[in-house]
PDB file of N, CA and C in Angstrom:
ATOM      1  N   UNK A   1     152.601 117.199 112.173  1.00  0.00           N
ATOM      2  CA  UNK A   1     151.350 118.029 111.397  1.00  0.00           C
ATOM      3  C   UNK A   1     150.187 118.157 112.288  1.00  0.00           C
ATOM      4  N   UNK A   2     149.525 119.433 112.286  1.00  0.00           N
ATOM      5  CA  UNK A   2     148.371 119.593 112.872  1.00  0.00           C
ATOM      6  C   UNK A   2     147.411 118.474 112.729  1.00  0.00           C
ATOM      7  N   UNK A   3     146.626 118.002 113.645  1.00  0.00           N
ATOM      8  CA  UNK A   3     145.568 116.793 113.411  1.00  0.00           C
ATOM      9  C   UNK A   3     144.551 117.288 112.704  1.00  0.00           C
ATOM     10  N   UNK A   4     144.009 118.431 112.668  1.00  0.00           N
ATOM     11  CA  UNK A   4     142.988 118.926 111.922  1.00  0.00           C
ATOM     12  C   UNK A   4     143.241 119.121 110.466  1.00  0.00           C
ATOM     13  N   UNK A   5     144.516 119.427 110.255  1.00  0.00           N
ATOM     14  CA  UNK A   5     145.253 119.481 108.733  1.00  0.00           C
ATOM     15  C   UNK A   5     145.394 118.196 108.269  1.00  0.00           C
ATOM     16  N   UNK A   6     145.556 117.059 109.127  1.00  0.00           N
ATOM     17  CA  UNK A   6     145.848 115.667 108.708  1.00  0.00           C
ATOM     18  C   UNK A   6     144.426 115.554 107.974  1.00  0.00           C
ATOM     19  N   UNK A   7     143.398 115.716 108.917  1.00  0.00           N
ATOM     20  CA  UNK A   7     142.170 115.123 108.326  1.00  0.00           C
ATOM     21  C   UNK A   7     141.547 115.895 107.139  1.00  0.00           C
ATOM     22  N   UNK A   8     141.662 117.162 106.887  1.00  0.00           N
ATOM     23  CA  UNK A   8     141.627 117.829 105.672  1.00  0.00           C
ATOM     24  C   UNK A   8     142.172 117.334 104.650  1.00  0.00           C
ATOM     25  N   UNK A   9     143.288 116.956 104.830  1.00  0.00           N
ATOM     26  CA  UNK A   9     144.148 116.351 103.565  1.00  0.00           C
ATOM     27  C   UNK A   9     143.543 115.023 103.235  1.00  0.00           C
ATOM     28  N   UNK A  10     143.187 114.140 104.062  1.00  0.00           N
ATOM     29  CA  UNK A  10     143.029 112.772 103.895  1.00  0.00           C
ATOM     30  C   UNK A  10     141.629 112.424 102.973  1.00  0.00           C
ATOM     31  N   UNK A  11     140.886 113.764 102.637  1.00  0.00           N
ATOM     32  CA  UNK A  11     139.840 113.386 101.911  1.00  0.00           C
ATOM     33  C   UNK A  11     140.189 113.575 100.468  1.00  0.00           C
ATOM     34  N   UNK A  12     141.261 113.615 100.162  1.00  0.00           N
ATOM     35  CA  UNK A  12     141.829 114.073  98.913  1.00  0.00           C
ATOM     36  C   UNK A  12     142.567 112.606  98.164  1.00  0.00           C
ATOM     37  N   UNK A  13     142.628 112.828  96.794  1.00  0.00           N
ATOM     38  CA  UNK A  13     143.279 111.627  96.205  1.00  0.00           C
ATOM     39  C   UNK A  13     144.730 111.589  96.414  1.00  0.00           C
ATOM     40  N   UNK A  14     145.550 110.472  96.431  1.00  0.00           N
ATOM     41  CA  UNK A  14     146.858 110.438  96.892  1.00  0.00           C
ATOM     42  C   UNK A  14     148.025 111.266  96.130  1.00  0.00           C
ATOM     43  N   UNK A  15     147.553 111.863  94.825  1.00  0.00           N
ATOM     44  CA  UNK A  15     148.476 112.751  94.069  1.00  0.00           C
ATOM     45  C   UNK A  15     148.264 113.925  94.492  1.00  0.00           C
ATOM     46  N   UNK A  16     147.051 114.522  95.143  1.00  0.00           N
ATOM     47  CA  UNK A  16     146.861 115.677  95.675  1.00  0.00           C
ATOM     48  C   UNK A  16     147.565 115.727  97.155  1.00  0.00           C
ATOM     49  N   UNK A  17     147.452 114.588  97.897  1.00  0.00           N
ATOM     50  CA  UNK A  17     148.039 114.638  99.318  1.00  0.00           C
ATOM     51  C   UNK A  17     149.488 114.717  99.047  1.00  0.00           C
ATOM     52  N   UNK A  18     150.146 114.242  97.940  1.00  0.00           N
ATOM     53  CA  UNK A  18     151.779 114.321  97.823  1.00  0.00           C
ATOM     54  C   UNK A  18     152.039 115.722  97.464  1.00  0.00           C
ATOM     55  N   UNK A  19     151.229 116.184  96.581  1.00  0.00           N
ATOM     56  CA  UNK A  19     151.512 117.752  96.243  1.00  0.00           C
ATOM     57  C   UNK A  19     151.318 118.642  97.413  1.00  0.00           C
ATOM     58  N   UNK A  20     150.396 118.514  98.248  1.00  0.00           N
ATOM     59  CA  UNK A  20     150.119 119.094  99.466  1.00  0.00           C
ATOM     60  C   UNK A  20     151.236 118.862 100.463  1.00  0.00           C
ATOM     61  N   UNK A  21     151.698 117.659 100.461  1.00  0.00           N
ATOM     62  CA  UNK A  21     152.894 117.729 101.389  1.00  0.00           C
ATOM     63  C   UNK A  21     154.099 118.167 100.904  1.00  0.00           C
ATOM     64  N   UNK A  22     154.363 118.200  99.607  1.00  0.00           N
ATOM     65  CA  UNK A  22     155.340 119.050  99.200  1.00  0.00           C
ATOM     66  C   UNK A  22     155.302 120.382  99.230  1.00  0.00           C
ATOM     67  N   UNK A  23     154.125 121.018  98.970  1.00  0.00           N
ATOM     68  CA  UNK A  23     154.079 122.498  99.438  1.00  0.00           C
ATOM     69  C   UNK A  23     154.143 122.875 100.779  1.00  0.00           C
ATOM     70  N   UNK A  24     153.600 121.943 101.621  1.00  0.00           N
ATOM     71  CA  UNK A  24     153.730 122.437 103.096  1.00  0.00           C
ATOM     72  C   UNK A  24     155.219 122.346 103.413  1.00  0.00           C
ATOM     73  N   UNK A  25     156.065 121.272 102.961  1.00  0.00           N
ATOM     74  CA  UNK A  25     157.420 121.311 103.272  1.00  0.00           C
ATOM     75  C   UNK A  25     158.218 122.679 102.793  1.00  0.00           C
ATOM     76  N   UNK A  26     157.688 123.093 101.611  1.00  0.00           N
ATOM     77  CA  UNK A  26     158.379 124.347 101.073  1.00  0.00           C
ATOM     78  C   UNK A  26     158.110 125.418 102.021  1.00  0.00           C
ATOM     79  N   UNK A  27     156.770 125.607 102.383  1.00  0.00           N
ATOM     80  CA  UNK A  27     156.424 126.585 103.337  1.00  0.00           C
ATOM     81  C   UNK A  27     157.319 126.518 104.512  1.00  0.00           C
ATOM     82  N   UNK A  28     157.740 125.407 105.169  1.00  0.00           N
ATOM     83  CA  UNK A  28     158.406 125.286 106.518  1.00  0.00           C
ATOM     84  C   UNK A  28     159.815 125.651 106.185  1.00  0.00           C
ATOM     85  N   UNK A  29     160.270 125.140 104.951  1.00  0.00           N
ATOM     86  CA  UNK A  29     161.791 125.301 104.642  1.00  0.00           C
ATOM     87  C   UNK A  29     161.900 126.661 104.232  1.00  0.00           C
ATOM     88  N   UNK A  30     161.012 127.700 104.022  1.00  0.00           N
ATOM     89  CA  UNK A  30     161.293 129.024 103.439  1.00  0.00           C
ATOM     90  C   UNK A  30     161.359 129.984 104.498  1.00  0.00           C
ATOM     91  N   UNK A  31     161.048 129.611 105.884  1.00  0.00           N
ATOM     92  CA  UNK A  31     161.363 130.677 106.906  1.00  0.00           C
ATOM     93  C   UNK A  31     162.064 130.268 107.829  1.00  0.00           C
ATOM     94  N   UNK A  32     162.792 130.974 108.599  1.00  0.00           N
ATOM     95  CA  UNK A  32     163.552 130.553 109.707  1.00  0.00           C
ATOM     96  C   UNK A  32     162.814 130.665 111.066  1.00  0.00           C
ATOM     97  N   UNK A  33     161.646 131.261 111.326  1.00  0.00           N
ATOM     98  CA  UNK A  33     161.140 131.344 112.388  1.00  0.00           C
ATOM     99  C   UNK A  33     160.057 130.227 112.471  1.00  0.00           C
ATOM    100  N   UNK A  34     159.454 130.153 113.752  1.00  0.00           N
ATOM    101  CA  UNK A  34     158.568 129.179 114.073  1.00  0.00           C
ATOM    102  C   UNK A  34     157.203 129.501 113.296  1.00  0.00           C
ATOM    103  N   UNK A  35     156.409 128.474 112.753  1.00  0.00           N
ATOM    104  CA  UNK A  35     155.173 128.628 111.841  1.00  0.00           C
ATOM    105  C   UNK A  35     154.109 128.079 112.791  1.00  0.00           C
ATOM    106  N   UNK A  36     152.970 128.671 112.928  1.00  0.00           N
ATOM    107  CA  UNK A  36     151.831 128.200 113.446  1.00  0.00           C
ATOM    108  C   UNK A  36     150.892 127.622 112.344  1.00  0.00           C
ATOM    109  N   UNK A  37     150.573 126.427 112.406  1.00  0.00           N
ATOM    110  CA  UNK A  37     149.763 125.548 111.463  1.00  0.00           C
ATOM    111  C   UNK A  37     148.422 125.171 112.168  1.00  0.00           C
ATOM    112  N   UNK A  38     147.482 125.445 111.352  1.00  0.00           N
ATOM    113  CA  UNK A  38     146.022 125.350 111.801  1.00  0.00           C
ATOM    114  C   UNK A  38     145.018 125.627 110.922  1.00  0.00           C
ATOM    115  N   UNK A  39     143.927 125.111 110.948  1.00  0.00           N
ATOM    116  CA  UNK A  39     142.749 125.284 109.971  1.00  0.00           C
ATOM    117  C   UNK A  39     141.955 126.684 110.495  1.00  0.00           C
ATOM    118  N   UNK A  40     141.940 127.667 109.237  1.00  0.00           N
ATOM    119  CA  UNK A  40     141.168 128.828 109.540  1.00  0.00           C
ATOM    120  C   UNK A  40     140.089 128.524 108.298  1.00  0.00           C
ATOM    121  N   UNK A  41     138.690 128.774 108.680  1.00  0.00           N
ATOM    122  CA  UNK A  41     137.703 128.747 107.918  1.00  0.00           C
ATOM    123  C   UNK A  41     137.804 127.217 107.089  1.00  0.00           C
ATOM    124  N   UNK A  42     138.285 126.237 107.811  1.00  0.00           N
ATOM    125  CA  UNK A  42     138.299 124.824 107.325  1.00  0.00           C
ATOM    126  C   UNK A  42     139.324 124.904 106.405  1.00  0.00           C
ATOM    127  N   UNK A  43     140.419 125.682 106.087  1.00  0.00           N
ATOM    128  CA  UNK A  43     141.413 125.756 105.152  1.00  0.00           C
ATOM    129  C   UNK A  43     142.768 125.671 105.849  1.00  0.00           C
ATOM    130  N   UNK A  44     143.694 124.879 105.611  1.00  0.00           N
ATOM    131  CA  UNK A  44     145.112 124.804 106.034  1.00  0.00           C
ATOM    132  C   UNK A  44     145.796 125.980 105.949  1.00  0.00           C
ATOM    133  N   UNK A  45     146.206 126.471 107.116  1.00  0.00           N
ATOM    134  CA  UNK A  45     146.913 127.927 106.934  1.00  0.00           C
ATOM    135  C   UNK A  45     148.083 127.797 107.905  1.00  0.00           C
ATOM    136  N   UNK A  46     149.138 128.720 107.464  1.00  0.00           N
ATOM    137  CA  UNK A  46     150.319 128.750 108.085  1.00  0.00           C
ATOM    138  C   UNK A  46     150.590 130.045 108.616  1.00  0.00           C
ATOM    139  N   UNK A  47     150.780 130.414 109.757  1.00  0.00           N
ATOM    140  CA  UNK A  47     151.077 131.837 110.268  1.00  0.00           C
ATOM    141  C   UNK A  47     152.364 132.010 110.945  1.00  0.00           C
ATOM    142  N   UNK A  48     152.785 133.392 110.594  1.00  0.00           N
ATOM    143  CA  UNK A  48     153.756 133.910 111.449  1.00  0.00           C
ATOM    144  C   UNK A  48     153.113 135.364 111.898  1.00  0.00           C
ATOM    145  N   UNK A  49     152.789 135.239 112.976  1.00  0.00           N
ATOM    146  CA  UNK A  49     152.076 136.538 113.655  1.00  0.00           C
ATOM    147  C   UNK A  49     150.733 136.752 112.694  1.00  0.00           C
ATOM    148  N   UNK A  50     150.480 137.827 112.054  1.00  0.00           N
ATOM    149  CA  UNK A  50     149.182 138.082 111.385  1.00  0.00           C
ATOM    150  C   UNK A  50     149.420 137.672 109.917  1.00  0.00           C
ATOM    151  N   UNK A  51     150.712 137.329 109.380  1.00  0.00           N
ATOM    152  CA  UNK A  51     150.901 136.764 108.188  1.00  0.00           C
ATOM    153  C   UNK A  51     150.686 135.352 107.792  1.00  0.00           C
ATOM    154  N   UNK A  52     150.237 135.108 106.837  1.00  0.00           N
ATOM    155  CA  UNK A  52     149.764 133.821 106.609  1.00  0.00           C
ATOM    156  C   UNK A  52     149.923 133.261 105.000  1.00  0.00           C
ATOM    157  N   UNK A  53     149.915 131.875 104.864  1.00  0.00           N
ATOM    158  CA  UNK A  53     149.869 131.280 103.624  1.00  0.00           C
ATOM    159  C   UNK A  53     148.806 130.141 103.630  1.00  0.00           C
ATOM    160  N   UNK A  54     147.928 130.008 102.884  1.00  0.00           N
ATOM    161  CA  UNK A  54     146.878 128.858 102.758  1.00  0.00           C
ATOM    162  C   UNK A  54     147.056 127.906 101.579  1.00  0.00           C
ATOM    163  N   UNK A  55     147.081 126.759 101.854  1.00  0.00           N
ATOM    164  CA  UNK A  55     146.829 125.908 100.786  1.00  0.00           C
ATOM    165  C   UNK A  55     145.562 125.237 100.716  1.00  0.00           C
ATOM    166  N   UNK A  56     144.712 125.373  99.642  1.00  0.00           N
ATOM    167  CA  UNK A  56     143.568 124.976  99.411  1.00  0.00           C
ATOM    168  C   UNK A  56     143.323 124.095  98.267  1.00  0.00           C
ATOM    169  N   UNK A  57     143.141 122.672  98.625  1.00  0.00           N
ATOM    170  CA  UNK A  57     143.083 121.606  97.946  1.00  0.00           C
ATOM    171  C   UNK A  57     141.876 121.400  96.943  1.00  0.00           C
ATOM    172  N   UNK A  58     141.922 120.802  95.706  1.00  0.00           N
ATOM    173  CA  UNK A  58     140.764 120.370  94.965  1.00  0.00           C
ATOM    174  C   UNK A  58     141.357 119.216  94.431  1.00  0.00           C
ATOM    175  N   UNK A  59     140.350 118.394  93.627  1.00  0.00           N
ATOM    176  CA  UNK A  59     140.573 117.250  93.079  1.00  0.00           C
ATOM    177  C   UNK A  59     141.814 116.973  92.079  1.00  0.00           C
ATOM    178  N   UNK A  60     142.068 118.228  91.319  1.00  0.00           N
ATOM    179  CA  UNK A  60     143.113 118.179  90.339  1.00  0.00           C
ATOM    180  C   UNK A  60     144.089 119.413  90.624  1.00  0.00           C
ATOM    181  N   UNK A  61     144.095 120.232  91.679  1.00  0.00           N
ATOM    182  CA  UNK A  61     144.999 121.347  91.627  1.00  0.00           C
ATOM    183  C   UNK A  61     144.970 121.812  93.079  1.00  0.00           C
ATOM    184  N   UNK A  62     145.845 122.616  93.540  1.00  0.00           N
ATOM    185  CA  UNK A  62     145.942 123.057  94.736  1.00  0.00           C
ATOM    186  C   UNK A  62     146.035 124.767  94.630  1.00  0.00           C
ATOM    187  N   UNK A  63     145.297 125.527  95.294  1.00  0.00           N
ATOM    188  CA  UNK A  63     145.361 126.940  95.361  1.00  0.00           C
ATOM    189  C   UNK A  63     146.220 127.418  96.417  1.00  0.00           C
ATOM    190  N   UNK A  64     147.140 128.272  96.154  1.00  0.00           N
ATOM    191  CA  UNK A  64     147.862 128.881  97.218  1.00  0.00           C
ATOM    192  C   UNK A  64     147.711 130.342  97.467  1.00  0.00           C
ATOM    193  N   UNK A  65     147.183 130.864  98.607  1.00  0.00           N
ATOM    194  CA  UNK A  65     147.003 131.960  98.829  1.00  0.00           C
ATOM    195  C   UNK A  65     148.027 132.747  99.756  1.00  0.00           C
ATOM    196  N   UNK A  66     148.900 133.556  98.993  1.00  0.00           N
ATOM    197  CA  UNK A  66     150.103 134.232  99.703  1.00  0.00           C
ATOM    198  C   UNK A  66     150.035 135.732  99.138  1.00  0.00           C
ATOM    199  N   UNK A  67     150.326 136.522 100.124  1.00  0.00           N
ATOM    200  CA  UNK A  67     150.408 137.902  99.712  1.00  0.00           C
ATOM    201  C   UNK A  67     151.301 138.086  98.600  1.00  0.00           C
ATOM    202  N   UNK A  68     152.321 137.666  98.543  1.00  0.00           N
ATOM    203  CA  UNK A  68     153.578 137.994  97.616  1.00  0.00           C
ATOM    204  C   UNK A  68     153.390 137.389  96.240  1.00  0.00           C
ATOM    205  N   UNK A  69     152.324 136.463  96.121  1.00  0.00           N
ATOM    206  CA  UNK A  69     152.137 135.878  94.758  1.00  0.00           C
ATOM    207  C   UNK A  69     152.035 137.112  93.524  1.00  0.00           C
ATOM    208  N   UNK A  70     151.442 137.965  93.847  1.00  0.00           N
ATOM    209  CA  UNK A  70     151.049 138.956  92.621  1.00  0.00           C
ATOM    210  C   UNK A  70     152.440 139.610  92.428  1.00  0.00           C
ATOM    211  N   UNK A  71     153.215 139.895  93.311  1.00  0.00           N
ATOM    212  CA  UNK A  71     154.615 140.404  92.794  1.00  0.00           C
ATOM    213  C   UNK A  71     155.492 139.504  92.080  1.00  0.00           C
ATOM    214  N   UNK A  72     155.235 138.289  91.915  1.00  0.00           N
ATOM    215  CA  UNK A  72     156.007 137.282  91.359  1.00  0.00           C
ATOM    216  C   UNK A  72     155.204 136.783  90.224  1.00  0.00           C
ATOM    217  N   UNK A  73     154.222 137.698  89.478  1.00  0.00           N
ATOM    218  CA  UNK A  73     153.306 137.159  88.520  1.00  0.00           C
ATOM    219  C   UNK A  73     154.329 136.739  87.246  1.00  0.00           C
ATOM    220  N   UNK A  74     155.066 137.644  86.718  1.00  0.00           N
ATOM    221  CA  UNK A  74     156.022 137.348  85.635  1.00  0.00           C
ATOM    222  C   UNK A  74     156.771 135.893  85.850  1.00  0.00           C
ATOM    223  N   UNK A  75     157.225 135.760  86.884  1.00  0.00           N
ATOM    224  CA  UNK A  75     157.919 134.579  87.123  1.00  0.00           C
ATOM    225  C   UNK A  75     157.007 133.251  87.124  1.00  0.00           C
ATOM    226  N   UNK A  76     155.962 133.553  87.134  1.00  0.00           N
ATOM    227  CA  UNK A  76     154.774 132.470  87.367  1.00  0.00           C
ATOM    228  C   UNK A  76     153.869 132.444  86.072  1.00  0.00           C
ATOM    229  N   UNK A  77     154.439 132.780  85.008  1.00  0.00           N
ATOM    230  CA  UNK A  77     153.859 133.036  83.787  1.00  0.00           C
ATOM    231  C   UNK A  77     153.185 131.873  83.225  1.00  0.00           C
ATOM    232  N   UNK A  78     153.603 130.481  83.330  1.00  0.00           N
ATOM    233  CA  UNK A  78     152.843 129.222  83.027  1.00  0.00           C
ATOM    234  C   UNK A  78     151.951 128.911  83.987  1.00  0.00           C
ATOM    235  N   UNK A  79     151.525 129.443  84.922  1.00  0.00           N
ATOM    236  CA  UNK A  79     150.668 129.134  85.973  1.00  0.00           C
ATOM    237  C   UNK A  79     149.416 130.005  85.948  1.00  0.00           C
ATOM    238  N   UNK A  80     148.369 129.544  86.401  1.00  0.00           N
ATOM    239  CA  UNK A  80     147.097 130.678  86.683  1.00  0.00           C
ATOM    240  C   UNK A  80     147.278 131.174  87.673  1.00  0.00           C
ATOM    241  N   UNK A  81     146.919 132.520  87.862  1.00  0.00           N
ATOM    242  CA  UNK A  81     146.758 133.379  89.044  1.00  0.00           C
ATOM    243  C   UNK A  81     145.051 133.708  89.072  1.00  0.00           C
ATOM    244  N   UNK A  82     144.280 133.467  89.889  1.00  0.00           N
ATOM    245  CA  UNK A  82     142.890 133.743  90.100  1.00  0.00           C
ATOM    246  C   UNK A  82     142.784 135.245  90.308  1.00  0.00           C
ATOM    247  N   UNK A  83     141.685 135.836  89.997  1.00  0.00           N
ATOM    248  CA  UNK A  83     141.475 137.406  90.090  1.00  0.00           C
ATOM    249  C   UNK A  83     141.747 137.735  91.701  1.00  0.00           C
ATOM    250  N   UNK A  84     141.675 136.760  92.614  1.00  0.00           N
ATOM    251  CA  UNK A  84     141.772 137.251  93.933  1.00  0.00           C
ATOM    252  C   UNK A  84     143.331 136.865  94.156  1.00  0.00           C
ATOM    253  N   UNK A  85     144.217 136.650  93.413  1.00  0.00           N
ATOM    254  CA  UNK A  85     145.481 136.597  93.569  1.00  0.00           C
ATOM    255  C   UNK A  85     146.009 135.243  94.161  1.00  0.00           C
ATOM    256  N   UNK A  86     145.387 134.259  93.849  1.00  0.00           N
ATOM    257  CA  UNK A  86     145.711 132.912  94.334  1.00  0.00           C
ATOM    258  C   UNK A  86     146.557 132.235  93.348  1.00  0.00           C
ATOM    259  N   UNK A  87     147.445 131.466  93.576  1.00  0.00           N
ATOM    260  CA  UNK A  87     148.262 130.783  92.441  1.00  0.00           C
ATOM    261  C   UNK A  87     147.636 129.501  92.433  1.00  0.00           C
ATOM    262  N   UNK A  88     147.433 128.987  90.935  1.00  0.00           N
ATOM    263  CA  UNK A  88     146.862 127.602  91.012  1.00  0.00           C
ATOM    264  C   UNK A  88     147.744 126.539  90.615  1.00  0.00           C
ATOM    265  N   UNK A  89     148.127 125.516  91.144  1.00  0.00           N
ATOM    266  CA  UNK A  89     149.204 124.557  90.522  1.00  0.00           C
ATOM    267  C   UNK A  89     148.346 123.293  90.317  1.00  0.00           C
ATOM    268  N   UNK A  90     148.425 122.851  89.135  1.00  0.00           N
ATOM    269  CA  UNK A  90     147.784 121.469  88.739  1.00  0.00           C
ATOM    270  C   UNK A  90     148.519 120.546  88.874  1.00  0.00           C
ATOM    271  N   UNK A  91     148.014 119.190  88.675  1.00  0.00           N
ATOM    272  CA  UNK A  91     148.722 118.184  88.893  1.00  0.00           C
ATOM    273  C   UNK A  91     149.729 117.880  87.822  1.00  0.00           C
ATOM    274  N   UNK A  92     149.457 118.295  86.784  1.00  0.00           N
ATOM    275  CA  UNK A  92     150.313 118.062  85.580  1.00  0.00           C
ATOM    276  C   UNK A  92     151.351 119.110  85.446  1.00  0.00           C
ATOM    277  N   UNK A  93     151.387 119.935  86.532  1.00  0.00           N
ATOM    278  CA  UNK A  93     152.445 120.975  86.388  1.00  0.00           C
ATOM    279  C   UNK A  93     153.530 120.624  87.566  1.00  0.00           C
ATOM    280  N   UNK A  94     154.830 121.103  87.163  1.00  0.00           N
ATOM    281  CA  UNK A  94     155.800 121.081  88.236  1.00  0.00           C
ATOM    282  C   UNK A  94     155.571 122.107  89.097  1.00  0.00           C
ATOM    283  N   UNK A  95     156.063 121.929  90.398  1.00  0.00           N
ATOM    284  CA  UNK A  95     155.867 122.871  91.434  1.00  0.00           C
ATOM    285  C   UNK A  95     157.148 123.564  91.278  1.00  0.00           C
ATOM    286  N   UNK A  96     156.919 125.062  91.265  1.00  0.00           N
ATOM    287  CA  UNK A  96     158.002 125.975  91.039  1.00  0.00           C
ATOM    288  C   UNK A  96     158.569 126.404  92.481  1.00  0.00           C
ATOM    289  N   UNK A  97     159.450 125.387  92.952  1.00  0.00           N
ATOM    290  CA  UNK A  97     159.997 125.335  94.406  1.00  0.00           C
ATOM    291  C   UNK A  97     160.743 126.691  94.836  1.00  0.00           C
ATOM    292  N   UNK A  98     161.533 127.131  93.807  1.00  0.00           N
ATOM    293  CA  UNK A  98     162.486 128.253  94.157  1.00  0.00           C
ATOM    294  C   UNK A  98     161.605 129.544  94.333  1.00  0.00           C
ATOM    295  N   UNK A  99     160.708 129.552  93.347  1.00  0.00           N
ATOM    296  CA  UNK A  99     159.964 130.999  93.375  1.00  0.00           C
ATOM    297  C   UNK A  99     158.899 130.938  94.618  1.00  0.00           C
ATOM    298  N   UNK A 100     158.442 129.641  94.763  1.00  0.00           N
ATOM    299  CA  UNK A 100     157.491 129.588  96.115  1.00  0.00           C
ATOM    300  C   UNK A 100     158.205 129.642  97.249  1.00  0.00           C
ATOM    301  N   UNK A 101     159.490 129.351  97.395  1.00  0.00           N
ATOM    302  CA  UNK A 101     160.239 129.627  98.739  1.00  0.00           C
ATOM    303  C   UNK A 101     160.256 131.380  98.888  1.00  0.00           C
ATOM    304  N   UNK A 102     160.553 132.147  97.900  1.00  0.00           N
ATOM    305  CA  UNK A 102     160.631 133.361  97.792  1.00  0.00           C
ATOM    306  C   UNK A 102     159.255 134.104  98.340  1.00  0.00           C
ATOM    307  N   UNK A 103     158.291 133.472  97.611  1.00  0.00           N
ATOM    308  CA  UNK A 103     156.864 134.151  97.907  1.00  0.00           C
ATOM    309  C   UNK A 103     156.593 133.721  99.476  1.00  0.00           C
ATOM    310  N   UNK A 104     156.889 132.537  99.750  1.00  0.00           N
ATOM    311  CA  UNK A 104     156.379 132.022 101.153  1.00  0.00           C
ATOM    312  C   UNK A 104     157.403 132.964 102.048  1.00  0.00           C
ATOM    313  N   UNK A 105     158.549 133.416 101.926  1.00  0.00           N
ATOM    314  CA  UNK A 105     159.560 134.011 102.715  1.00  0.00           C
ATOM    315  C   UNK A 105     158.911 135.527 102.908  1.00  0.00           C
ATOM    316  N   UNK A 106     158.844 136.060 101.659  1.00  0.00           N
ATOM    317  CA  UNK A 106     158.398 137.436 101.438  1.00  0.00           C
ATOM    318  C   UNK A 106     156.996 137.717 102.351  1.00  0.00           C
ATOM    319  N   UNK A 107     156.062 136.712 102.145  1.00  0.00           N
ATOM    320  CA  UNK A 107     154.632 136.748 102.723  1.00  0.00           C
ATOM    321  C   UNK A 107     154.793 136.650 104.403  1.00  0.00           C
ATOM    322  N   UNK A 108     155.564 135.660 104.979  1.00  0.00           N
ATOM    323  CA  UNK A 108     155.413 135.416 106.265  1.00  0.00           C
ATOM    324  C   UNK A 108     156.637 136.058 107.086  1.00  0.00           C
ATOM    325  N   UNK A 109     157.742 136.666 106.492  1.00  0.00           N
ATOM    326  CA  UNK A 109     158.648 137.277 107.044  1.00  0.00           C
ATOM    327  C   UNK A 109     158.636 138.745 107.142  1.00  0.00           C
ATOM    328  N   UNK A 110     157.630 139.400 107.022  1.00  0.00           N
ATOM    329  CA  UNK A 110     157.120 140.687 106.616  1.00  0.00           C
ATOM    330  C   UNK A 110     157.851 141.595 107.927  1.00  0.00           C
TER     331      UNK A 110
END
């Protein structure tokens, strides 16, 4: 894990860190190519070329910024999608792993 991303993650509660780690692993599992992990504007970002996915942690949820989120809006009906198209997953919610793998693959392997 990128050292800056580790430091970013450390300022959050253990349950957010666990969720972050799970989401990060789903990102890596969803693509066959090599990802570049770095902070962009202080936000953990995962790049393949110019395509990216960002994980933005808060005290009780994580926002996922990925271009393909909007095209899976119906499958994500139980989750909040912000006006900017970011998916919010709260601690009390299950992580929709299968849908996220599709979203990450579609976003990063364009």
